[in-house]
């Protein structure tokens, strides 16, 4: 896209009620520069005015297939449009592009069903809730068990501090995903996210006696905050740092006038899913829809797939420096 189109795109995203942080034009640079993916952003216009957009990127891998996604590495995506005519045109264009690229499938990560008669995946849920400008009310809205964990973190003299870099949070994240058996993203990805989205991509670090315990990279969009990449060291559990970290983000966000706390996507029945429910958030089904081109069924590139169990168990045993070196070679295809 030309620079003038980027400005027009972002202006449309800012003014559309259905848009998300992941519809922002900056993702084009992030995905191209961090992972080298083929990114194609489609927009429909009439008389020089944009009426709908659809961000797309191709993720091609020998191990995990070849798919066109809106949008890889993002929990939300799909078409946003002013009318059904623009939406239909964008979806038709996307299916034609998918055929042209000879991908296995086209995946739209919708928050709401699009009405297409396509296969869907009911695996992921999101957790979103309004927050008050009164932090006492926000604390009382959290169930008692989680409140107790937060207060233990406070009594344990944990400290939250904003960090202007990305290295500290990346180090906590890299160790955490290794422990889960997942290849880590490249450090470059975290750097580019900070460079592209600037003050809308922020880092909150949790420390104890001057040492990092946990870290969180969050996205800010309109009146919303989205805690997105979190990590911690082994000491976090003993210090009750996880609940404290999310509380500190909520508390700070409320003080800044943020109205909606988006706890993000989790797979049904997993630890993160239950953790978010424990905070009093209700799960909302995400409507991921698939247009199958070469594939006979919906791609299942996720840790719940039994065929990846051996790989996950092996990855957990790697030394962190080794996992950090090998991980980016694989994770670029796990969007």
C-alpha atoms as a PDB file:
ATOM      1  CA  UNK A   1       0.000   0.000   0.000  1.00  0.00           C
ATOM      2  CA  UNK A   2       1.028   3.563  -0.636  1.00  0.00           C
ATOM      3  CA  UNK A   3       1.525   5.815   2.402  1.00  0.00           C
ATOM      4  CA  UNK A   4      -1.679   7.699   1.524  1.00  0.00           C
ATOM      5  CA  UNK A   5      -3.588   4.398   1.501  1.00  0.00           C
ATOM      6  CA  UNK A   6      -2.149   3.466   4.898  1.00  0.00           C
ATOM      7  CA  UNK A   7      -3.480   6.742   6.332  1.00  0.00           C
ATOM      8  CA  UNK A   8      -6.895   6.156   4.741  1.00  0.00           C
ATOM      9  CA  UNK A   9      -6.946   2.550   5.984  1.00  0.00           C
ATOM     10  CA  UNK A  10      -6.181   3.529   9.578  1.00  0.00           C
ATOM     11  CA  UNK A  11      -8.723   6.347   9.483  1.00  0.00           C
ATOM     12  CA  UNK A  12     -11.362   3.805   8.417  1.00  0.00           C
ATOM     13  CA  UNK A  13     -10.330   1.417  11.216  1.00  0.00           C
ATOM     14  CA  UNK A  14     -10.493   4.227  13.772  1.00  0.00           C
ATOM     15  CA  UNK A  15     -14.034   5.179  12.752  1.00  0.00           C
ATOM     16  CA  UNK A  16     -15.525   1.693  12.285  1.00  0.00           C
ATOM     17  CA  UNK A  17     -17.391   0.293  15.287  1.00  0.00           C
ATOM     18  CA  UNK A  18     -16.463  -3.325  14.426  1.00  0.00           C
ATOM     19  CA  UNK A  19     -12.735  -2.795  13.985  1.00  0.00           C
ATOM     20  CA  UNK A  20     -10.048  -4.258  16.236  1.00  0.00           C
ATOM     21  CA  UNK A  21      -6.404  -3.526  16.953  1.00  0.00           C
ATOM     22  CA  UNK A  22      -5.561  -6.312  14.501  1.00  0.00           C
ATOM     23  CA  UNK A  23      -7.155  -4.455  11.588  1.00  0.00           C
ATOM     24  CA  UNK A  24      -4.585  -1.658  11.839  1.00  0.00           C
ATOM     25  CA  UNK A  25      -2.379  -1.092   8.797  1.00  0.00           C
ATOM     26  CA  UNK A  26       0.791  -1.473  10.876  1.00  0.00           C
ATOM     27  CA  UNK A  27       0.364  -5.246  10.833  1.00  0.00           C
ATOM     28  CA  UNK A  28       1.433  -5.256   7.192  1.00  0.00           C
ATOM     29  CA  UNK A  29       4.903  -4.032   8.098  1.00  0.00           C
ATOM     30  CA  UNK A  30       5.038  -6.228  11.223  1.00  0.00           C
ATOM     31  CA  UNK A  31       4.274  -9.438   9.311  1.00  0.00           C
ATOM     32  CA  UNK A  32       6.504  -8.624   6.344  1.00  0.00           C
ATOM     33  CA  UNK A  33       9.487  -7.390   8.329  1.00  0.00           C
ATOM     34  CA  UNK A  34       9.325  -9.890  11.202  1.00  0.00           C
ATOM     35  CA  UNK A  35       8.409 -13.053   9.297  1.00  0.00           C
ATOM     36  CA  UNK A  36       8.754 -12.359   5.573  1.00  0.00           C
ATOM     37  CA  UNK A  37       5.148 -13.366   4.858  1.00  0.00           C
ATOM     38  CA  UNK A  38       3.252 -12.406   1.719  1.00  0.00           C
ATOM     39  CA  UNK A  39       0.815  -9.753   3.006  1.00  0.00           C
ATOM     40  CA  UNK A  40      -2.085  -8.469   0.899  1.00  0.00           C
ATOM     41  CA  UNK A  41      -4.519  -5.940   2.343  1.00  0.00           C
ATOM     42  CA  UNK A  42      -7.776  -5.625   0.396  1.00  0.00           C
ATOM     43  CA  UNK A  43     -10.157  -2.681   0.567  1.00  0.00           C
ATOM     44  CA  UNK A  44     -13.425  -1.832  -1.177  1.00  0.00           C
ATOM     45  CA  UNK A  45     -14.121   1.746  -2.088  1.00  0.00           C
ATOM     46  CA  UNK A  46     -16.790   3.830  -3.779  1.00  0.00           C
ATOM     47  CA  UNK A  47     -16.183   7.312  -5.149  1.00  0.00           C
ATOM     48  CA  UNK A  48     -12.806   7.426  -3.439  1.00  0.00           C
ATOM     49  CA  UNK A  49     -14.171   6.481  -0.009  1.00  0.00           C
ATOM     50  CA  UNK A  50     -13.281   3.183   1.686  1.00  0.00           C
ATOM     51  CA  UNK A  51     -16.362   1.090   2.527  1.00  0.00           C
ATOM     52  CA  UNK A  52     -14.677  -2.070   3.790  1.00  0.00           C
ATOM     53  CA  UNK A  53     -11.329  -3.724   4.461  1.00  0.00           C
ATOM     54  CA  UNK A  54      -9.848  -7.213   4.773  1.00  0.00           C
ATOM     55  CA  UNK A  55      -6.220  -7.738   5.894  1.00  0.00           C
ATOM     56  CA  UNK A  56      -4.682 -11.031   4.683  1.00  0.00           C
ATOM     57  CA  UNK A  57      -1.322 -12.782   4.945  1.00  0.00           C
ATOM     58  CA  UNK A  58      -0.071 -16.063   3.506  1.00  0.00           C
ATOM     59  CA  UNK A  59       1.676 -18.445   5.897  1.00  0.00           C
ATOM     60  CA  UNK A  60       3.488 -21.140   3.938  1.00  0.00           C
ATOM     61  CA  UNK A  61       5.316 -24.010   5.581  1.00  0.00           C
ATOM     62  CA  UNK A  62       6.443 -27.513   4.646  1.00  0.00           C
ATOM     63  CA  UNK A  63       5.480 -28.742   8.129  1.00  0.00           C
ATOM     64  CA  UNK A  64       2.266 -26.839   8.773  1.00  0.00           C
ATOM     65  CA  UNK A  65       0.755 -26.201   5.355  1.00  0.00           C
ATOM     66  CA  UNK A  66       0.008 -23.215   3.174  1.00  0.00           C
ATOM     67  CA  UNK A  67      -2.829 -20.958   4.315  1.00  0.00           C
ATOM     68  CA  UNK A  68      -4.173 -17.461   3.726  1.00  0.00           C
ATOM     69  CA  UNK A  69      -5.212 -15.954   7.045  1.00  0.00           C
ATOM     70  CA  UNK A  70      -6.903 -12.822   8.357  1.00  0.00           C
ATOM     71  CA  UNK A  71      -4.745 -12.386  10.285  1.00  0.00           C
ATOM     72  CA  UNK A  72      -1.872 -14.635  11.425  1.00  0.00           C
ATOM     73  CA  UNK A  73      -0.446 -13.977  14.911  1.00  0.00           C
ATOM     74  CA  UNK A  74      -3.656 -12.072  15.652  1.00  0.00           C
ATOM     75  CA  UNK A  75      -6.687 -13.289  17.583  1.00  0.00           C
ATOM     76  CA  UNK A  76      -9.205 -11.247  15.591  1.00  0.00           C
ATOM     77  CA  UNK A  77      -9.516 -10.406  11.912  1.00  0.00           C
ATOM     78  CA  UNK A  78     -11.853 -10.844   8.983  1.00  0.00           C
ATOM     79  CA  UNK A  79     -13.922  -8.344   7.039  1.00  0.00           C
ATOM     80  CA  UNK A  80     -15.210  -5.072   8.423  1.00  0.00           C
ATOM     81  CA  UNK A  81     -17.466  -3.133   6.082  1.00  0.00           C
ATOM     82  CA  UNK A  82     -20.128  -0.460   5.944  1.00  0.00           C
ATOM     83  CA  UNK A  83     -22.560  -2.610   3.996  1.00  0.00           C
ATOM     84  CA  UNK A  84     -23.185  -6.146   2.747  1.00  0.00           C
ATOM     85  CA  UNK A  85     -22.176  -5.245  -0.811  1.00  0.00           C
ATOM     86  CA  UNK A  86     -18.664  -4.224   0.244  1.00  0.00           C
ATOM     87  CA  UNK A  87     -18.361  -7.247   2.555  1.00  0.00           C
ATOM     88  CA  UNK A  88     -19.395  -9.654  -0.211  1.00  0.00           C
ATOM     89  CA  UNK A  89     -16.955  -8.095  -2.657  1.00  0.00           C
ATOM     90  CA  UNK A  90     -14.064  -8.455  -0.207  1.00  0.00           C
ATOM     91  CA  UNK A  91     -14.894 -12.080   0.598  1.00  0.00           C
ATOM     92  CA  UNK A  92     -15.186 -12.919  -3.104  1.00  0.00           C
ATOM     93  CA  UNK A  93     -11.837 -11.245  -3.785  1.00  0.00           C
ATOM     94  CA  UNK A  94     -10.243 -13.179  -0.924  1.00  0.00           C
ATOM     95  CA  UNK A  95     -11.496 -16.540  -2.243  1.00  0.00           C
ATOM     96  CA  UNK A  96     -10.159 -15.706  -5.701  1.00  0.00           C
ATOM     97  CA  UNK A  97      -6.790 -14.763  -4.194  1.00  0.00           C
ATOM     98  CA  UNK A  98      -6.741 -18.010  -2.208  1.00  0.00           C
ATOM     99  CA  UNK A  99      -7.253 -19.995  -5.408  1.00  0.00           C
ATOM    100  CA  UNK A 100      -4.631 -17.954  -7.240  1.00  0.00           C
ATOM    101  CA  UNK A 101      -2.079 -18.619  -4.494  1.00  0.00           C
ATOM    102  CA  UNK A 102      -3.060 -22.327  -4.416  1.00  0.00           C
ATOM    103  CA  UNK A 103      -3.308 -22.326  -0.627  1.00  0.00           C
ATOM    104  CA  UNK A 104      -4.831 -25.109   1.428  1.00  0.00           C
ATOM    105  CA  UNK A 105      -7.423 -22.819   2.975  1.00  0.00           C
ATOM    106  CA  UNK A 106      -8.543 -19.256   3.619  1.00  0.00           C
ATOM    107  CA  UNK A 107      -9.142 -18.511   7.321  1.00  0.00           C
ATOM    108  CA  UNK A 108     -11.141 -15.558   8.630  1.00  0.00           C
ATOM    109  CA  UNK A 109     -10.758 -14.931  12.376  1.00  0.00           C
ATOM    110  CA  UNK A 110     -14.095 -13.267  12.979  1.00  0.00           C
ATOM    111  CA  UNK A 111     -15.470 -12.078  16.294  1.00  0.00           C
ATOM    112  CA  UNK A 112     -18.962 -12.517  14.828  1.00  0.00           C
ATOM    113  CA  UNK A 113     -20.248 -15.019  12.265  1.00  0.00           C
ATOM    114  CA  UNK A 114     -20.091 -13.648   8.727  1.00  0.00           C
ATOM    115  CA  UNK A 115     -23.059 -15.592   7.386  1.00  0.00           C
ATOM    116  CA  UNK A 116     -20.946 -17.585   4.949  1.00  0.00           C
ATOM    117  CA  UNK A 117     -21.781 -21.261   4.586  1.00  0.00           C
ATOM    118  CA  UNK A 118     -18.204 -22.271   5.410  1.00  0.00           C
ATOM    119  CA  UNK A 119     -16.766 -24.787   7.886  1.00  0.00           C
ATOM    120  CA  UNK A 120     -16.123 -23.255  11.304  1.00  0.00           C
ATOM    121  CA  UNK A 121     -13.857 -24.032  14.253  1.00  0.00           C
ATOM    122  CA  UNK A 122     -15.326 -23.698  17.761  1.00  0.00           C
ATOM    123  CA  UNK A 123     -12.032 -23.987  19.598  1.00  0.00           C
ATOM    124  CA  UNK A 124     -11.269 -20.455  20.696  1.00  0.00           C
ATOM    125  CA  UNK A 125     -13.027 -18.089  23.066  1.00  0.00           C
ATOM    126  CA  UNK A 126     -12.357 -14.490  23.983  1.00  0.00           C
ATOM    127  CA  UNK A 127     -12.866 -12.804  27.356  1.00  0.00           C
ATOM    128  CA  UNK A 128     -13.870  -9.146  27.433  1.00  0.00           C
ATOM    129  CA  UNK A 129     -15.437  -6.972  30.108  1.00  0.00           C
ATOM    130  CA  UNK A 130     -16.040  -3.314  30.806  1.00  0.00           C
ATOM    131  CA  UNK A 131     -14.053  -1.818  33.657  1.00  0.00           C
ATOM    132  CA  UNK A 132     -14.886   1.101  35.919  1.00  0.00           C
ATOM    133  CA  UNK A 133     -12.916   4.261  36.602  1.00  0.00           C
ATOM    134  CA  UNK A 134     -13.261   3.234  40.265  1.00  0.00           C
ATOM    135  CA  UNK A 135     -10.579   0.655  41.029  1.00  0.00           C
ATOM    136  CA  UNK A 136     -12.262  -0.408  44.255  1.00  0.00           C
ATOM    137  CA  UNK A 137     -15.246  -1.452  42.114  1.00  0.00           C
ATOM    138  CA  UNK A 138     -12.912  -3.250  39.718  1.00  0.00           C
ATOM    139  CA  UNK A 139     -11.339  -5.176  42.578  1.00  0.00           C
ATOM    140  CA  UNK A 140     -14.730  -6.186  43.996  1.00  0.00           C
ATOM    141  CA  UNK A 141     -15.828  -7.417  40.540  1.00  0.00           C
ATOM    142  CA  UNK A 142     -13.062 -10.048  40.707  1.00  0.00           C
ATOM    143  CA  UNK A 143     -14.123 -13.267  42.497  1.00  0.00           C
ATOM    144  CA  UNK A 144     -12.858 -13.684  46.052  1.00  0.00           C
ATOM    145  CA  UNK A 145     -10.276 -16.387  45.323  1.00  0.00           C
ATOM    146  CA  UNK A 146      -8.491 -14.280  42.705  1.00  0.00           C
ATOM    147  CA  UNK A 147      -8.718 -11.172  44.899  1.00  0.00           C
ATOM    148  CA  UNK A 148      -6.899 -13.082  47.605  1.00  0.00           C
ATOM    149  CA  UNK A 149      -4.113 -13.956  45.150  1.00  0.00           C
ATOM    150  CA  UNK A 150      -3.782 -10.319  44.096  1.00  0.00           C
ATOM    151  CA  UNK A 151      -3.546  -9.185  47.704  1.00  0.00           C
ATOM    152  CA  UNK A 152      -0.871 -11.773  48.414  1.00  0.00           C
ATOM    153  CA  UNK A 153       1.159 -10.262  45.585  1.00  0.00           C
ATOM    154  CA  UNK A 154       0.656  -6.789  47.048  1.00  0.00           C
ATOM    155  CA  UNK A 155       1.646  -7.951  50.548  1.00  0.00           C
ATOM    156  CA  UNK A 156       4.650  -9.724  49.062  1.00  0.00           C
ATOM    157  CA  UNK A 157       5.923  -6.312  47.911  1.00  0.00           C
ATOM    158  CA  UNK A 158       5.728  -6.951  44.187  1.00  0.00           C
ATOM    159  CA  UNK A 159       6.232  -3.814  42.108  1.00  0.00           C
ATOM    160  CA  UNK A 160       4.888  -2.970  38.644  1.00  0.00           C
ATOM    161  CA  UNK A 161       6.797  -0.664  36.330  1.00  0.00           C
ATOM    162  CA  UNK A 162       6.484   0.347  32.709  1.00  0.00           C
ATOM    163  CA  UNK A 163       9.489  -0.450  30.517  1.00  0.00           C
ATOM    164  CA  UNK A 164      10.364   1.473  27.370  1.00  0.00           C
ATOM    165  CA  UNK A 165      12.111  -1.475  25.740  1.00  0.00           C
ATOM    166  CA  UNK A 166      11.132  -4.985  24.703  1.00  0.00           C
ATOM    167  CA  UNK A 167      14.110  -7.122  25.791  1.00  0.00           C
ATOM    168  CA  UNK A 168      13.015  -7.738  29.385  1.00  0.00           C
ATOM    169  CA  UNK A 169       9.516  -8.889  28.493  1.00  0.00           C
ATOM    170  CA  UNK A 170      10.890 -10.986  25.643  1.00  0.00           C
ATOM    171  CA  UNK A 171      13.195 -12.833  28.030  1.00  0.00           C
ATOM    172  CA  UNK A 172      10.304 -13.734  30.352  1.00  0.00           C
ATOM    173  CA  UNK A 173       8.137 -14.729  27.385  1.00  0.00           C
ATOM    174  CA  UNK A 174      10.835 -16.901  25.819  1.00  0.00           C
ATOM    175  CA  UNK A 175      11.301 -18.909  29.013  1.00  0.00           C
ATOM    176  CA  UNK A 176       7.564 -19.371  29.503  1.00  0.00           C
ATOM    177  CA  UNK A 177       6.814 -20.679  26.019  1.00  0.00           C
ATOM    178  CA  UNK A 178       9.787 -23.049  26.182  1.00  0.00           C
ATOM    179  CA  UNK A 179       8.275 -24.458  29.381  1.00  0.00           C
ATOM    180  CA  UNK A 180       4.998 -24.970  27.514  1.00  0.00           C
ATOM    181  CA  UNK A 181       6.758 -26.778  24.672  1.00  0.00           C
ATOM    182  CA  UNK A 182       6.086 -24.034  22.125  1.00  0.00           C
ATOM    183  CA  UNK A 183       8.697 -22.504  19.758  1.00  0.00           C
ATOM    184  CA  UNK A 184       9.335 -18.883  20.656  1.00  0.00           C
ATOM    185  CA  UNK A 185       8.881 -15.968  18.268  1.00  0.00           C
ATOM    186  CA  UNK A 186      11.955 -14.059  17.204  1.00  0.00           C
ATOM    187  CA  UNK A 187      13.186 -11.146  19.285  1.00  0.00           C
ATOM    188  CA  UNK A 188      12.884  -9.091  16.113  1.00  0.00           C
ATOM    189  CA  UNK A 189       9.100  -9.539  16.194  1.00  0.00           C
ATOM    190  CA  UNK A 190       8.875  -7.938  19.642  1.00  0.00           C
ATOM    191  CA  UNK A 191      11.158  -5.106  18.539  1.00  0.00           C
ATOM    192  CA  UNK A 192       9.120  -4.397  15.406  1.00  0.00           C
ATOM    193  CA  UNK A 193       5.840  -4.433  17.335  1.00  0.00           C
ATOM    194  CA  UNK A 194       7.208  -1.697  19.585  1.00  0.00           C
ATOM    195  CA  UNK A 195       8.586   0.288  16.659  1.00  0.00           C
ATOM    196  CA  UNK A 196       5.397   0.132  14.586  1.00  0.00           C
ATOM    197  CA  UNK A 197       2.729   0.651  17.235  1.00  0.00           C
ATOM    198  CA  UNK A 198       4.764   2.858  19.579  1.00  0.00           C
ATOM    199  CA  UNK A 199       2.692   3.983  22.601  1.00  0.00           C
ATOM    200  CA  UNK A 200      -0.130   1.625  21.631  1.00  0.00           C
ATOM    201  CA  UNK A 201       2.180  -1.321  22.355  1.00  0.00           C
ATOM    202  CA  UNK A 202       3.436  -1.117  25.918  1.00  0.00           C
ATOM    203  CA  UNK A 203       5.367  -3.275  28.365  1.00  0.00           C
ATOM    204  CA  UNK A 204       4.626  -3.746  32.059  1.00  0.00           C
ATOM    205  CA  UNK A 205       7.226  -5.542  34.174  1.00  0.00           C
ATOM    206  CA  UNK A 206       6.685  -7.075  37.606  1.00  0.00           C
ATOM    207  CA  UNK A 207       9.688  -7.071  39.934  1.00  0.00           C
ATOM    208  CA  UNK A 208      10.547  -8.253  43.427  1.00  0.00           C
ATOM    209  CA  UNK A 209      13.476  -6.695  45.259  1.00  0.00           C
ATOM    210  CA  UNK A 210      14.738  -5.274  41.976  1.00  0.00           C
ATOM    211  CA  UNK A 211      14.605  -8.541  40.013  1.00  0.00           C
ATOM    212  CA  UNK A 212      12.245  -9.269  37.133  1.00  0.00           C
ATOM    213  CA  UNK A 213       9.583 -11.844  37.991  1.00  0.00           C
ATOM    214  CA  UNK A 214       7.094 -11.491  35.114  1.00  0.00           C
ATOM    215  CA  UNK A 215       6.339  -9.280  32.140  1.00  0.00           C
ATOM    216  CA  UNK A 216       3.447  -8.348  29.883  1.00  0.00           C
ATOM    217  CA  UNK A 217       3.188  -6.738  26.447  1.00  0.00           C
ATOM    218  CA  UNK A 218      -0.219  -5.118  25.882  1.00  0.00           C
ATOM    219  CA  UNK A 219      -1.960  -3.438  22.964  1.00  0.00           C
ATOM    220  CA  UNK A 220      -4.056  -0.289  23.360  1.00  0.00           C
ATOM    221  CA  UNK A 221      -6.859   0.474  20.914  1.00  0.00           C
ATOM    222  CA  UNK A 222      -9.523   3.158  21.216  1.00  0.00           C
ATOM    223  CA  UNK A 223     -10.796   2.721  24.801  1.00  0.00           C
ATOM    224  CA  UNK A 224      -9.545  -0.862  25.153  1.00  0.00           C
ATOM    225  CA  UNK A 225      -6.484  -2.638  26.529  1.00  0.00           C
ATOM    226  CA  UNK A 226      -5.442  -6.126  25.380  1.00  0.00           C
ATOM    227  CA  UNK A 227      -2.809  -7.965  27.463  1.00  0.00           C
ATOM    228  CA  UNK A 228      -1.240 -10.029  24.691  1.00  0.00           C
ATOM    229  CA  UNK A 229       2.195 -11.561  25.327  1.00  0.00           C
ATOM    230  CA  UNK A 230       2.963 -12.569  28.902  1.00  0.00           C
ATOM    231  CA  UNK A 231       5.891 -14.383  30.438  1.00  0.00           C
ATOM    232  CA  UNK A 232       7.415 -15.192  33.792  1.00  0.00           C
ATOM    233  CA  UNK A 233      10.271 -16.862  35.581  1.00  0.00           C
ATOM    234  CA  UNK A 234       9.973 -19.762  38.029  1.00  0.00           C
ATOM    235  CA  UNK A 235       9.781 -17.322  40.943  1.00  0.00           C
ATOM    236  CA  UNK A 236       6.446 -15.924  39.700  1.00  0.00           C
ATOM    237  CA  UNK A 237       4.353 -18.722  41.164  1.00  0.00           C
ATOM    238  CA  UNK A 238       5.699 -18.331  44.689  1.00  0.00           C
ATOM    239  CA  UNK A 239       5.200 -14.556  44.532  1.00  0.00           C
ATOM    240  CA  UNK A 240       1.631 -14.839  43.124  1.00  0.00           C
ATOM    241  CA  UNK A 241       2.837 -12.601  40.310  1.00  0.00           C
ATOM    242  CA  UNK A 242       0.385 -13.571  37.571  1.00  0.00           C
ATOM    243  CA  UNK A 243      -2.776 -12.293  39.253  1.00  0.00           C
ATOM    244  CA  UNK A 244      -0.910  -9.243  40.534  1.00  0.00           C
ATOM    245  CA  UNK A 245       0.378  -8.468  37.026  1.00  0.00           C
ATOM    246  CA  UNK A 246      -3.061  -8.470  35.400  1.00  0.00           C
ATOM    247  CA  UNK A 247      -4.516  -6.481  38.278  1.00  0.00           C
ATOM    248  CA  UNK A 248      -1.813  -3.849  37.908  1.00  0.00           C
ATOM    249  CA  UNK A 249      -2.556  -3.577  34.196  1.00  0.00           C
ATOM    250  CA  UNK A 250      -6.278  -3.220  34.924  1.00  0.00           C
ATOM    251  CA  UNK A 251      -5.659  -0.685  37.697  1.00  0.00           C
ATOM    252  CA  UNK A 252      -3.308   1.428  35.612  1.00  0.00           C
ATOM    253  CA  UNK A 253      -5.607   1.227  32.573  1.00  0.00           C
ATOM    254  CA  UNK A 254      -8.640   2.340  34.564  1.00  0.00           C
ATOM    255  CA  UNK A 255      -6.654   5.298  35.861  1.00  0.00           C
ATOM    256  CA  UNK A 256      -5.937   6.252  32.229  1.00  0.00           C
ATOM    257  CA  UNK A 257      -9.620   6.101  31.260  1.00  0.00           C
ATOM    258  CA  UNK A 258      -9.617   2.711  29.512  1.00  0.00           C
ATOM    259  CA  UNK A 259     -13.158   1.290  29.435  1.00  0.00           C
ATOM    260  CA  UNK A 260     -12.755  -2.288  28.231  1.00  0.00           C
ATOM    261  CA  UNK A 261     -10.345  -4.976  29.397  1.00  0.00           C
ATOM    262  CA  UNK A 262      -9.827  -7.625  26.702  1.00  0.00           C
ATOM    263  CA  UNK A 263      -8.289 -10.703  28.321  1.00  0.00           C
ATOM    264  CA  UNK A 264      -7.720 -12.230  24.894  1.00  0.00           C
ATOM    265  CA  UNK A 265      -8.156 -15.633  23.311  1.00  0.00           C
ATOM    266  CA  UNK A 266      -7.906 -19.030  24.977  1.00  0.00           C
ATOM    267  CA  UNK A 267      -8.686 -22.582  23.968  1.00  0.00           C
ATOM    268  CA  UNK A 268     -11.666 -24.117  25.726  1.00  0.00           C
ATOM    269  CA  UNK A 269     -10.781 -26.198  28.773  1.00  0.00           C
ATOM    270  CA  UNK A 270      -7.151 -25.055  29.023  1.00  0.00           C
ATOM    271  CA  UNK A 271      -5.445 -23.505  32.039  1.00  0.00           C
ATOM    272  CA  UNK A 272      -5.613 -19.941  30.617  1.00  0.00           C
ATOM    273  CA  UNK A 273      -9.330 -20.447  29.819  1.00  0.00           C
ATOM    274  CA  UNK A 274     -10.053 -21.431  33.431  1.00  0.00           C
ATOM    275  CA  UNK A 275      -7.797 -18.665  34.791  1.00  0.00           C
ATOM    276  CA  UNK A 276      -9.795 -15.997  32.942  1.00  0.00           C
ATOM    277  CA  UNK A 277     -13.109 -17.478  34.056  1.00  0.00           C
ATOM    278  CA  UNK A 278     -11.717 -17.367  37.579  1.00  0.00           C
ATOM    279  CA  UNK A 279     -11.394 -13.603  37.165  1.00  0.00           C
ATOM    280  CA  UNK A 280     -15.143 -13.402  36.523  1.00  0.00           C
ATOM    281  CA  UNK A 281     -14.894 -13.009  32.749  1.00  0.00           C
ATOM    282  CA  UNK A 282     -17.445 -14.881  30.622  1.00  0.00           C
ATOM    283  CA  UNK A 283     -16.168 -16.674  27.491  1.00  0.00           C
ATOM    284  CA  UNK A 284     -17.428 -15.515  24.099  1.00  0.00           C
ATOM    285  CA  UNK A 285     -17.114 -17.905  21.170  1.00  0.00           C
ATOM    286  CA  UNK A 286     -14.907 -16.698  18.311  1.00  0.00           C
ATOM    287  CA  UNK A 287     -16.172 -17.521  14.834  1.00  0.00           C
ATOM    288  CA  UNK A 288     -13.188 -18.727  12.839  1.00  0.00           C
ATOM    289  CA  UNK A 289     -14.413 -19.604   9.351  1.00  0.00           C
ATOM    290  CA  UNK A 290     -12.624 -21.495   6.571  1.00  0.00           C
ATOM    291  CA  UNK A 291     -12.864 -21.569   2.821  1.00  0.00           C
ATOM    292  CA  UNK A 292     -11.217 -24.824   1.747  1.00  0.00           C
ATOM    293  CA  UNK A 293      -9.187 -24.678  -1.456  1.00  0.00           C
ATOM    294  CA  UNK A 294      -6.788 -27.656  -1.559  1.00  0.00           C
ATOM    295  CA  UNK A 295      -7.497 -28.945   1.944  1.00  0.00           C
ATOM    296  CA  UNK A 296     -10.195 -31.535   2.649  1.00  0.00           C
ATOM    297  CA  UNK A 297     -10.699 -30.377   6.232  1.00  0.00           C
ATOM    298  CA  UNK A 298      -9.986 -27.467   8.578  1.00  0.00           C
ATOM    299  CA  UNK A 299      -6.267 -27.152   9.435  1.00  0.00           C
ATOM    300  CA  UNK A 300      -5.471 -28.250  13.007  1.00  0.00           C
ATOM    301  CA  UNK A 301      -2.195 -26.472  13.765  1.00  0.00           C
ATOM    302  CA  UNK A 302      -2.560 -26.111  17.520  1.00  0.00           C
ATOM    303  CA  UNK A 303      -1.073 -27.748  20.652  1.00  0.00           C
ATOM    304  CA  UNK A 304      -4.276 -29.748  21.220  1.00  0.00           C
ATOM    305  CA  UNK A 305      -3.561 -31.807  18.106  1.00  0.00           C
ATOM    306  CA  UNK A 306      -2.274 -35.208  19.386  1.00  0.00           C
ATOM    307  CA  UNK A 307       0.267 -35.506  16.581  1.00  0.00           C
ATOM    308  CA  UNK A 308       2.292 -32.652  18.095  1.00  0.00           C
ATOM    309  CA  UNK A 309       2.505 -34.188  21.602  1.00  0.00           C
ATOM    310  CA  UNK A 310       5.927 -35.797  21.103  1.00  0.00           C
ATOM    311  CA  UNK A 311       7.322 -32.582  19.669  1.00  0.00           C
ATOM    312  CA  UNK A 312       5.961 -30.533  22.595  1.00  0.00           C
ATOM    313  CA  UNK A 313       7.399 -32.926  25.179  1.00  0.00           C
ATOM    314  CA  UNK A 314      10.800 -32.787  23.473  1.00  0.00           C
ATOM    315  CA  UNK A 315      10.778 -28.981  23.207  1.00  0.00           C
ATOM    316  CA  UNK A 316      10.150 -28.550  26.937  1.00  0.00           C
ATOM    317  CA  UNK A 317      13.493 -30.245  27.629  1.00  0.00           C
ATOM    318  CA  UNK A 318      15.592 -27.913  25.463  1.00  0.00           C
ATOM    319  CA  UNK A 319      17.895 -25.391  27.177  1.00  0.00           C
ATOM    320  CA  UNK A 320      16.423 -21.909  26.818  1.00  0.00           C
ATOM    321  CA  UNK A 321      19.314 -20.585  24.617  1.00  0.00           C
ATOM    322  CA  UNK A 322      18.842 -23.516  22.215  1.00  0.00           C
ATOM    323  CA  UNK A 323      15.064 -23.084  22.151  1.00  0.00           C
ATOM    324  CA  UNK A 324      15.498 -19.343  21.496  1.00  0.00           C
ATOM    325  CA  UNK A 325      17.775 -20.049  18.541  1.00  0.00           C
ATOM    326  CA  UNK A 326      15.657 -22.768  16.919  1.00  0.00           C
ATOM    327  CA  UNK A 327      12.219 -21.450  17.861  1.00  0.00           C
ATOM    328  CA  UNK A 328      11.945 -18.539  15.412  1.00  0.00           C
ATOM    329  CA  UNK A 329      12.624 -20.884  12.484  1.00  0.00           C
ATOM    330  CA  UNK A 330       9.406 -22.765  13.327  1.00  0.00           C
ATOM    331  CA  UNK A 331       7.205 -20.166  15.001  1.00  0.00           C
ATOM    332  CA  UNK A 332       7.012 -17.967  11.883  1.00  0.00           C
ATOM    333  CA  UNK A 333       4.742 -20.678  10.443  1.00  0.00           C
ATOM    334  CA  UNK A 334       2.560 -21.026  13.551  1.00  0.00           C
ATOM    335  CA  UNK A 335       0.486 -17.892  13.085  1.00  0.00           C
END
